[in-house]
Amino acid sequence: MARQNGFLDRLSEMAGMQDEPIPGQPLVEIGSYRRVLIENHSGVIEYADTAISVKVKFGTVCVLGSNLKFLRMTKQQLIICGCIDCVRLVRR
C-alpha cells in the first residue's frame, strides 16, 4: 500500500495537482471551532465527550474539545460537532 500511495503522490505532483485531494485518501476538513469532517476513515478508536480518535490510512486523527458528538457517521464520512479545541494527526 505504501508503494501505491507514493506513486499517487508523485503522479499528482507531476500533474500539478499536489493541492488537490487524491480519491480514496483520507480528508480532514475543519469548519470553524464547531465541526470537523473526516472522509475515507477506517473506524472509530476512542469516543468520549472530550476526545474522539478516528483511524485513517496513515495514522490517527484525534479531535479534542468538549461536548463532542457525531452529527453523522457513515462508512465513508464522519462529522464531529461540539466545542473543538484541537485536531491532531498522529502518523504511524
PDB file of N, CA and C in Angstrom:
ATOM      1  N   MET A   1       0.825  -1.192   0.000  1.00  0.00           N
ATOM      2  CA  MET A   1       0.000   0.000   0.000  1.00  0.00           C
ATOM      3  C   MET A   1       0.867   1.253   0.000  1.00  0.00           C
ATOM      4  N   ALA A   2       1.996   1.226   0.704  1.00  0.00           N
ATOM      5  CA  ALA A   2       2.869   2.395   0.765  1.00  0.00           C
ATOM      6  C   ALA A   2       3.410   2.739  -0.621  1.00  0.00           C
ATOM      7  N   ARG A   3       3.731   1.725  -1.421  1.00  0.00           N
ATOM      8  CA  ARG A   3       4.229   1.987  -2.774  1.00  0.00           C
ATOM      9  C   ARG A   3       3.149   2.662  -3.611  1.00  0.00           C
ATOM     10  N   GLN A   4       1.897   2.216  -3.455  1.00  0.00           N
ATOM     11  CA  GLN A   4       0.806   2.809  -4.215  1.00  0.00           C
ATOM     12  C   GLN A   4       0.597   4.260  -3.791  1.00  0.00           C
ATOM     13  N   ASN A   5       0.614   4.549  -2.480  1.00  0.00           N
ATOM     14  CA  ASN A   5       0.444   5.919  -2.003  1.00  0.00           C
ATOM     15  C   ASN A   5       1.553   6.808  -2.527  1.00  0.00           C
ATOM     16  N   GLY A   6       2.796   6.340  -2.523  1.00  0.00           N
ATOM     17  CA  GLY A   6       3.916   7.107  -3.052  1.00  0.00           C
ATOM     18  C   GLY A   6       3.749   7.372  -4.529  1.00  0.00           C
ATOM     19  N   PHE A   7       3.278   6.383  -5.271  1.00  0.00           N
ATOM     20  CA  PHE A   7       3.046   6.540  -6.703  1.00  0.00           C
ATOM     21  C   PHE A   7       1.981   7.605  -6.953  1.00  0.00           C
ATOM     22  N   LEU A   8       0.865   7.542  -6.214  1.00  0.00           N
ATOM     23  CA  LEU A   8      -0.204   8.523  -6.391  1.00  0.00           C
ATOM     24  C   LEU A   8       0.263   9.930  -6.031  1.00  0.00           C
ATOM     25  N   ASP A   9       1.079  10.054  -4.988  1.00  0.00           N
ATOM     26  CA  ASP A   9       1.631  11.360  -4.611  1.00  0.00           C
ATOM     27  C   ASP A   9       2.511  11.909  -5.723  1.00  0.00           C
ATOM     28  N   ARG A  10       3.397  11.070  -6.267  1.00  0.00           N
ATOM     29  CA  ARG A  10       4.290  11.520  -7.354  1.00  0.00           C
ATOM     30  C   ARG A  10       3.488  11.872  -8.600  1.00  0.00           C
ATOM     31  N   LEU A  11       2.480  11.068  -8.913  1.00  0.00           N
ATOM     32  CA  LEU A  11       1.658  11.321 -10.079  1.00  0.00           C
ATOM     33  C   LEU A  11       0.901  12.643  -9.951  1.00  0.00           C
ATOM     34  N   SER A  12       0.327  12.913  -8.799  1.00  0.00           N
ATOM     35  CA  SER A  12      -0.405  14.169  -8.611  1.00  0.00           C
ATOM     36  C   SER A  12       0.546  15.360  -8.633  1.00  0.00           C
ATOM     37  N   GLU A  13       1.767  15.177  -8.126  1.00  0.00           N
ATOM     38  CA  GLU A  13       2.755  16.259  -8.160  1.00  0.00           C
ATOM     39  C   GLU A  13       3.170  16.568  -9.591  1.00  0.00           C
ATOM     40  N   MET A  14       3.416  15.520 -10.396  1.00  0.00           N
ATOM     41  CA  MET A  14       3.807  15.724 -11.790  1.00  0.00           C
ATOM     42  C   MET A  14       2.679  16.380 -12.592  1.00  0.00           C
ATOM     43  N   ALA A  15       1.434  16.083 -12.240  1.00  0.00           N
ATOM     44  CA  ALA A  15       0.297  16.659 -12.955  1.00  0.00           C
ATOM     45  C   ALA A  15      -0.054  18.048 -12.427  1.00  0.00           C
ATOM     46  N   GLY A  16       0.687  18.535 -11.440  1.00  0.00           N
ATOM     47  CA  GLY A  16       0.416  19.842 -10.875  1.00  0.00           C
ATOM     48  C   GLY A  16      -0.825  19.871 -10.006  1.00  0.00           C
ATOM     49  N   MET A  17      -1.175  18.718  -9.419  1.00  0.00           N
ATOM     50  CA  MET A  17      -2.378  18.616  -8.597  1.00  0.00           C
ATOM     51  C   MET A  17      -2.051  18.299  -7.143  1.00  0.00           C
ATOM     52  N   GLN A  18      -0.872  18.688  -6.649  1.00  0.00           N
ATOM     53  CA  GLN A  18      -0.492  18.302  -5.298  1.00  0.00           C
ATOM     54  C   GLN A  18      -1.390  18.919  -4.231  1.00  0.00           C
ATOM     55  N   ASP A  19      -2.113  19.986  -4.549  1.00  0.00           N
ATOM     56  CA  ASP A  19      -3.012  20.591  -3.580  1.00  0.00           C
ATOM     57  C   ASP A  19      -4.413  19.994  -3.621  1.00  0.00           C
ATOM     58  N   GLU A  20      -4.682  19.142  -4.590  1.00  0.00           N
ATOM     59  CA  GLU A  20      -5.991  18.509  -4.723  1.00  0.00           C
ATOM     60  C   GLU A  20      -6.001  17.184  -3.967  1.00  0.00           C
ATOM     61  N   PRO A  21      -7.119  16.850  -3.302  1.00  0.00           N
ATOM     62  CA  PRO A  21      -7.190  15.558  -2.614  1.00  0.00           C
ATOM     63  C   PRO A  21      -7.188  14.404  -3.622  1.00  0.00           C
ATOM     64  N   ILE A  22      -6.508  13.332  -3.273  1.00  0.00           N
ATOM     65  CA  ILE A  22      -6.454  12.138  -4.110  1.00  0.00           C
ATOM     66  C   ILE A  22      -7.663  11.276  -3.757  1.00  0.00           C
ATOM     67  N   PRO A  23      -8.426  10.820  -4.741  1.00  0.00           N
ATOM     68  CA  PRO A  23      -9.596   9.986  -4.448  1.00  0.00           C
ATOM     69  C   PRO A  23      -9.224   8.770  -3.599  1.00  0.00           C
ATOM     70  N   GLY A  24     -10.036   8.497  -2.590  1.00  0.00           N
ATOM     71  CA  GLY A  24      -9.808   7.351  -1.713  1.00  0.00           C
ATOM     72  C   GLY A  24      -8.901   7.645  -0.531  1.00  0.00           C
ATOM     73  N   GLN A  25      -8.193   8.757  -0.550  1.00  0.00           N
ATOM     74  CA  GLN A  25      -7.313   9.124   0.557  1.00  0.00           C
ATOM     75  C   GLN A  25      -8.117   9.875   1.615  1.00  0.00           C
ATOM     76  N   PRO A  26      -7.746   9.763   2.888  1.00  0.00           N
ATOM     77  CA  PRO A  26      -8.459  10.475   3.944  1.00  0.00           C
ATOM     78  C   PRO A  26      -8.403  11.992   3.735  1.00  0.00           C
ATOM     79  N   LEU A  27      -9.489  12.651   4.107  1.00  0.00           N
ATOM     80  CA  LEU A  27      -9.594  14.096   4.001  1.00  0.00           C
ATOM     81  C   LEU A  27     -10.179  14.604   5.313  1.00  0.00           C
ATOM     82  N   VAL A  28      -9.513  15.584   5.924  1.00  0.00           N
ATOM     83  CA  VAL A  28      -9.997  16.186   7.160  1.00  0.00           C
ATOM     84  C   VAL A  28     -10.288  17.652   6.866  1.00  0.00           C
ATOM     85  N   GLU A  29     -11.503  18.062   7.168  1.00  0.00           N
ATOM     86  CA  GLU A  29     -11.926  19.441   6.925  1.00  0.00           C
ATOM     87  C   GLU A  29     -12.440  20.018   8.244  1.00  0.00           C
ATOM     88  N   ILE A  30     -11.888  21.157   8.625  1.00  0.00           N
ATOM     89  CA  ILE A  30     -12.283  21.806   9.879  1.00  0.00           C
ATOM     90  C   ILE A  30     -13.180  22.979   9.536  1.00  0.00           C
ATOM     91  N   GLY A  31     -14.404  22.992  10.076  1.00  0.00           N
ATOM     92  CA  GLY A  31     -15.352  24.077   9.867  1.00  0.00           C
ATOM     93  C   GLY A  31     -15.491  24.882  11.142  1.00  0.00           C
ATOM     94  N   SER A  32     -14.726  25.939  11.268  1.00  0.00           N
ATOM     95  CA  SER A  32     -14.621  26.795  12.452  1.00  0.00           C
ATOM     96  C   SER A  32     -14.256  25.953  13.676  1.00  0.00           C
ATOM     97  N   TYR A  33     -14.736  26.327  14.839  1.00  0.00           N
ATOM     98  CA  TYR A  33     -14.390  25.576  16.054  1.00  0.00           C
ATOM     99  C   TYR A  33     -15.531  24.650  16.472  1.00  0.00           C
ATOM    100  N   ARG A  34     -16.521  24.451  15.580  1.00  0.00           N
ATOM    101  CA  ARG A  34     -17.698  23.671  15.946  1.00  0.00           C
ATOM    102  C   ARG A  34     -17.858  22.357  15.186  1.00  0.00           C
ATOM    103  N   ARG A  35     -17.071  22.144  14.112  1.00  0.00           N
ATOM    104  CA  ARG A  35     -17.331  20.977  13.258  1.00  0.00           C
ATOM    105  C   ARG A  35     -16.062  20.476  12.585  1.00  0.00           C
ATOM    106  N   VAL A  36     -15.903  19.143  12.539  1.00  0.00           N
ATOM    107  CA  VAL A  36     -14.800  18.502  11.817  1.00  0.00           C
ATOM    108  C   VAL A  36     -15.397  17.391  10.956  1.00  0.00           C
ATOM    109  N   LEU A  37     -15.022  17.386   9.679  1.00  0.00           N
ATOM    110  CA  LEU A  37     -15.449  16.354   8.740  1.00  0.00           C
ATOM    111  C   LEU A  37     -14.241  15.474   8.435  1.00  0.00           C
ATOM    112  N   ILE A  38     -14.399  14.162   8.549  1.00  0.00           N
ATOM    113  CA  ILE A  38     -13.346  13.213   8.201  1.00  0.00           C
ATOM    114  C   ILE A  38     -13.924  12.254   7.170  1.00  0.00           C
ATOM    115  N   GLU A  39     -13.321  12.236   5.975  1.00  0.00           N
ATOM    116  CA  GLU A  39     -13.777  11.346   4.910  1.00  0.00           C
ATOM    117  C   GLU A  39     -12.773  10.214   4.711  1.00  0.00           C
ATOM    118  N   ASN A  40     -13.273   9.072   4.267  1.00  0.00           N
ATOM    119  CA  ASN A  40     -12.460   7.883   3.986  1.00  0.00           C
ATOM    120  C   ASN A  40     -11.718   7.394   5.228  1.00  0.00           C
ATOM    121  N   HIS A  41     -12.441   7.283   6.331  1.00  0.00           N
ATOM    122  CA  HIS A  41     -11.864   6.811   7.589  1.00  0.00           C
ATOM    123  C   HIS A  41     -11.923   5.286   7.653  1.00  0.00           C
ATOM    124  N   SER A  42     -11.254   4.729   8.673  1.00  0.00           N
ATOM    125  CA  SER A  42     -11.240   3.273   8.852  1.00  0.00           C
ATOM    126  C   SER A  42     -11.891   2.849  10.162  1.00  0.00           C
ATOM    127  N   GLY A  43     -12.594   3.764  10.826  1.00  0.00           N
ATOM    128  CA  GLY A  43     -13.301   3.421  12.057  1.00  0.00           C
ATOM    129  C   GLY A  43     -12.900   4.290  13.228  1.00  0.00           C
ATOM    130  N   VAL A  44     -13.711   4.215  14.275  1.00  0.00           N
ATOM    131  CA  VAL A  44     -13.502   4.991  15.497  1.00  0.00           C
ATOM    132  C   VAL A  44     -12.692   4.153  16.481  1.00  0.00           C
ATOM    133  N   ILE A  45     -11.651   4.758  17.039  1.00  0.00           N
ATOM    134  CA  ILE A  45     -10.802   4.078  18.018  1.00  0.00           C
ATOM    135  C   ILE A  45     -11.231   4.428  19.440  1.00  0.00           C
ATOM    136  N   GLU A  46     -11.515   5.712  19.674  1.00  0.00           N
ATOM    137  CA  GLU A  46     -11.871   6.201  21.008  1.00  0.00           C
ATOM    138  C   GLU A  46     -13.030   7.177  20.867  1.00  0.00           C
ATOM    139  N   TYR A  47     -13.981   7.084  21.813  1.00  0.00           N
ATOM    140  CA  TYR A  47     -15.108   8.014  21.784  1.00  0.00           C
ATOM    141  C   TYR A  47     -15.444   8.439  23.207  1.00  0.00           C
ATOM    142  N   ALA A  48     -15.363   9.715  23.466  1.00  0.00           N
ATOM    143  CA  ALA A  48     -15.776  10.312  24.736  1.00  0.00           C
ATOM    144  C   ALA A  48     -16.231  11.727  24.417  1.00  0.00           C
ATOM    145  N   ASP A  49     -16.859  12.398  25.372  1.00  0.00           N
ATOM    146  CA  ASP A  49     -17.336  13.746  25.073  1.00  0.00           C
ATOM    147  C   ASP A  49     -16.215  14.782  25.054  1.00  0.00           C
ATOM    148  N   THR A  50     -14.992  14.376  25.424  1.00  0.00           N
ATOM    149  CA  THR A  50     -13.840  15.292  25.379  1.00  0.00           C
ATOM    150  C   THR A  50     -12.784  14.890  24.357  1.00  0.00           C
ATOM    151  N   ALA A  51     -12.866  13.676  23.809  1.00  0.00           N
ATOM    152  CA  ALA A  51     -11.868  13.206  22.833  1.00  0.00           C
ATOM    153  C   ALA A  51     -12.467  12.139  21.933  1.00  0.00           C
ATOM    154  N   ILE A  52     -12.233  12.294  20.635  1.00  0.00           N
ATOM    155  CA  ILE A  52     -12.634  11.281  19.663  1.00  0.00           C
ATOM    156  C   ILE A  52     -11.423  10.998  18.785  1.00  0.00           C
ATOM    157  N   SER A  53     -11.049   9.725  18.674  1.00  0.00           N
ATOM    158  CA  SER A  53      -9.927   9.309  17.825  1.00  0.00           C
ATOM    159  C   SER A  53     -10.465   8.445  16.692  1.00  0.00           C
ATOM    160  N   VAL A  54     -10.026   8.770  15.468  1.00  0.00           N
ATOM    161  CA  VAL A  54     -10.512   8.093  14.273  1.00  0.00           C
ATOM    162  C   VAL A  54      -9.319   7.555  13.498  1.00  0.00           C
ATOM    163  N   LYS A  55      -9.380   6.294  13.115  1.00  0.00           N
ATOM    164  CA  LYS A  55      -8.295   5.663  12.350  1.00  0.00           C
ATOM    165  C   LYS A  55      -8.432   6.045  10.885  1.00  0.00           C
ATOM    166  N   VAL A  56      -7.303   6.451  10.282  1.00  0.00           N
ATOM    167  CA  VAL A  56      -7.225   6.712   8.847  1.00  0.00           C
ATOM    168  C   VAL A  56      -6.045   5.921   8.304  1.00  0.00           C
ATOM    169  N   LYS A  57      -5.884   5.882   6.988  1.00  0.00           N
ATOM    170  CA  LYS A  57      -4.859   5.040   6.366  1.00  0.00           C
ATOM    171  C   LYS A  57      -3.452   5.319   6.863  1.00  0.00           C
ATOM    172  N   PHE A  58      -3.138   6.565   7.156  1.00  0.00           N
ATOM    173  CA  PHE A  58      -1.764   6.921   7.518  1.00  0.00           C
ATOM    174  C   PHE A  58      -1.581   7.230   8.992  1.00  0.00           C
ATOM    175  N   GLY A  59      -2.563   6.908   9.831  1.00  0.00           N
ATOM    176  CA  GLY A  59      -2.415   7.148  11.262  1.00  0.00           C
ATOM    177  C   GLY A  59      -3.750   7.330  11.949  1.00  0.00           C
ATOM    178  N   THR A  60      -3.791   8.312  12.872  1.00  0.00           N
ATOM    179  CA  THR A  60      -4.979   8.572  13.671  1.00  0.00           C
ATOM    180  C   THR A  60      -5.255  10.071  13.711  1.00  0.00           C
ATOM    181  N   VAL A  61      -6.510  10.438  13.538  1.00  0.00           N
ATOM    182  CA  VAL A  61      -6.938  11.823  13.707  1.00  0.00           C
ATOM    183  C   VAL A  61      -7.593  11.914  15.082  1.00  0.00           C
ATOM    184  N   CYS A  62      -7.062  12.793  15.937  1.00  0.00           N
ATOM    185  CA  CYS A  62      -7.586  12.981  17.289  1.00  0.00           C
ATOM    186  C   CYS A  62      -8.252  14.349  17.369  1.00  0.00           C
ATOM    187  N   VAL A  63      -9.506  14.365  17.778  1.00  0.00           N
ATOM    188  CA  VAL A  63     -10.247  15.610  17.962  1.00  0.00           C
ATOM    189  C   VAL A  63     -10.466  15.779  19.458  1.00  0.00           C
ATOM    190  N   LEU A  64     -10.013  16.908  20.001  1.00  0.00           N
ATOM    191  CA  LEU A  64     -10.130  17.188  21.431  1.00  0.00           C
ATOM    192  C   LEU A  64     -11.011  18.415  21.630  1.00  0.00           C
ATOM    193  N   GLY A  65     -11.812  18.394  22.688  1.00  0.00           N
ATOM    194  CA  GLY A  65     -12.681  19.525  22.982  1.00  0.00           C
ATOM    195  C   GLY A  65     -13.677  19.164  24.065  1.00  0.00           C
ATOM    196  N   SER A  66     -14.875  19.742  23.986  1.00  0.00           N
ATOM    197  CA  SER A  66     -15.920  19.438  24.964  1.00  0.00           C
ATOM    198  C   SER A  66     -17.255  19.264  24.239  1.00  0.00           C
ATOM    199  N   ASN A  67     -18.117  18.490  24.862  1.00  0.00           N
ATOM    200  CA  ASN A  67     -19.438  18.187  24.289  1.00  0.00           C
ATOM    201  C   ASN A  67     -19.340  17.635  22.861  1.00  0.00           C
ATOM    202  N   LEU A  68     -18.329  16.813  22.598  1.00  0.00           N
ATOM    203  CA  LEU A  68     -18.142  16.242  21.265  1.00  0.00           C
ATOM    204  C   LEU A  68     -19.138  15.118  21.025  1.00  0.00           C
ATOM    205  N   LYS A  69     -19.683  15.082  19.828  1.00  0.00           N
ATOM    206  CA  LYS A  69     -20.591  14.005  19.432  1.00  0.00           C
ATOM    207  C   LYS A  69     -20.567  13.876  17.922  1.00  0.00           C
ATOM    208  N   PHE A  70     -21.101  12.757  17.438  1.00  0.00           N
ATOM    209  CA  PHE A  70     -21.185  12.523  16.000  1.00  0.00           C
ATOM    210  C   PHE A  70     -22.477  13.133  15.482  1.00  0.00           C
ATOM    211  N   LEU A  71     -22.343  13.993  14.498  1.00  0.00           N
ATOM    212  CA  LEU A  71     -23.504  14.543  13.831  1.00  0.00           C
ATOM    213  C   LEU A  71     -23.962  13.571  12.744  1.00  0.00           C
ATOM    214  N   ARG A  72     -22.977  12.964  12.048  1.00  0.00           N
ATOM    215  CA  ARG A  72     -23.256  11.961  11.016  1.00  0.00           C
ATOM    216  C   ARG A  72     -22.111  10.959  11.010  1.00  0.00           C
ATOM    217  N   MET A  73     -22.453   9.687  10.798  1.00  0.00           N
ATOM    218  CA  MET A  73     -21.424   8.648  10.734  1.00  0.00           C
ATOM    219  C   MET A  73     -21.838   7.614   9.701  1.00  0.00           C
ATOM    220  N   THR A  74     -21.063   7.551   8.606  1.00  0.00           N
ATOM    221  CA  THR A  74     -21.278   6.529   7.583  1.00  0.00           C
ATOM    222  C   THR A  74     -19.949   5.815   7.361  1.00  0.00           C
ATOM    223  N   LYS A  75     -19.916   4.843   6.464  1.00  0.00           N
ATOM    224  CA  LYS A  75     -18.667   4.127   6.178  1.00  0.00           C
ATOM    225  C   LYS A  75     -17.607   5.053   5.605  1.00  0.00           C
ATOM    226  N   GLN A  76     -18.009   6.079   4.857  1.00  0.00           N
ATOM    227  CA  GLN A  76     -17.036   6.966   4.232  1.00  0.00           C
ATOM    228  C   GLN A  76     -16.825   8.270   4.996  1.00  0.00           C
ATOM    229  N   GLN A  77     -17.793   8.688   5.811  1.00  0.00           N
ATOM    230  CA  GLN A  77     -17.763  10.042   6.331  1.00  0.00           C
ATOM    231  C   GLN A  77     -18.170  10.103   7.801  1.00  0.00           C
ATOM    232  N   LEU A  78     -17.433  10.927   8.552  1.00  0.00           N
ATOM    233  CA  LEU A  78     -17.774  11.231   9.944  1.00  0.00           C
ATOM    234  C   LEU A  78     -17.867  12.738  10.079  1.00  0.00           C
ATOM    235  N   ILE A  79     -18.883  13.216  10.760  1.00  0.00           N
ATOM    236  CA  ILE A  79     -18.943  14.624  11.105  1.00  0.00           C
ATOM    237  C   ILE A  79     -19.025  14.703  12.617  1.00  0.00           C
ATOM    238  N   ILE A  80     -18.029  15.360  13.207  1.00  0.00           N
ATOM    239  CA  ILE A  80     -17.943  15.537  14.653  1.00  0.00           C
ATOM    240  C   ILE A  80     -18.286  16.983  14.959  1.00  0.00           C
ATOM    241  N   CYS A  81     -19.174  17.197  15.924  1.00  0.00           N
ATOM    242  CA  CYS A  81     -19.506  18.562  16.305  1.00  0.00           C
ATOM    243  C   CYS A  81     -19.354  18.717  17.811  1.00  0.00           C
ATOM    244  N   GLY A  82     -19.262  19.944  18.259  1.00  0.00           N
ATOM    245  CA  GLY A  82     -19.073  20.284  19.655  1.00  0.00           C
ATOM    246  C   GLY A  82     -18.159  21.493  19.725  1.00  0.00           C
ATOM    247  N   CYS A  83     -17.593  21.738  20.869  1.00  0.00           N
ATOM    248  CA  CYS A  83     -16.636  22.828  21.027  1.00  0.00           C
ATOM    249  C   CYS A  83     -15.231  22.233  20.838  1.00  0.00           C
ATOM    250  N   ILE A  84     -14.645  22.457  19.663  1.00  0.00           N
ATOM    251  CA  ILE A  84     -13.389  21.806  19.290  1.00  0.00           C
ATOM    252  C   ILE A  84     -12.204  22.690  19.650  1.00  0.00           C
ATOM    253  N   ASP A  85     -11.297  22.121  20.441  1.00  0.00           N
ATOM    254  CA  ASP A  85     -10.082  22.838  20.854  1.00  0.00           C
ATOM    255  C   ASP A  85      -8.875  22.488  19.995  1.00  0.00           C
ATOM    256  N   CYS A  86      -8.804  21.238  19.535  1.00  0.00           N
ATOM    257  CA  CYS A  86      -7.603  20.784  18.854  1.00  0.00           C
ATOM    258  C   CYS A  86      -7.931  19.616  17.925  1.00  0.00           C
ATOM    259  N   VAL A  87      -7.320  19.626  16.737  1.00  0.00           N
ATOM    260  CA  VAL A  87      -7.378  18.482  15.831  1.00  0.00           C
ATOM    261  C   VAL A  87      -5.928  18.097  15.557  1.00  0.00           C
ATOM    262  N   ARG A  88      -5.584  16.867  15.878  1.00  0.00           N
ATOM    263  CA  ARG A  88      -4.196  16.419  15.802  1.00  0.00           C
ATOM    264  C   ARG A  88      -4.093  15.165  14.946  1.00  0.00           C
ATOM    265  N   LEU A  89      -3.062  15.124  14.117  1.00  0.00           N
ATOM    266  CA  LEU A  89      -2.772  13.938  13.303  1.00  0.00           C
ATOM    267  C   LEU A  89      -1.573  13.227  13.919  1.00  0.00           C
ATOM    268  N   VAL A  90      -1.761  11.962  14.255  1.00  0.00           N
ATOM    269  CA  VAL A  90      -0.672  11.133  14.765  1.00  0.00           C
ATOM    270  C   VAL A  90      -0.361  10.141  13.662  1.00  0.00           C
ATOM    271  N   ARG A  91       0.781  10.342  13.003  1.00  0.00           N
ATOM    272  CA  ARG A  91       1.172   9.463  11.895  1.00  0.00           C
ATOM    273  C   ARG A  91       1.754   8.180  12.430  1.00  0.00           C
ATOM    274  N   ARG A  92       1.617   7.100  11.672  1.00  0.00           N
ATOM    275  CA  ARG A  92       2.174   5.796  12.085  1.00  0.00           C
ATOM    276  C   ARG A  92       3.664   5.861  12.164  1.00  0.00           C
TER     277      ARG A  92
END
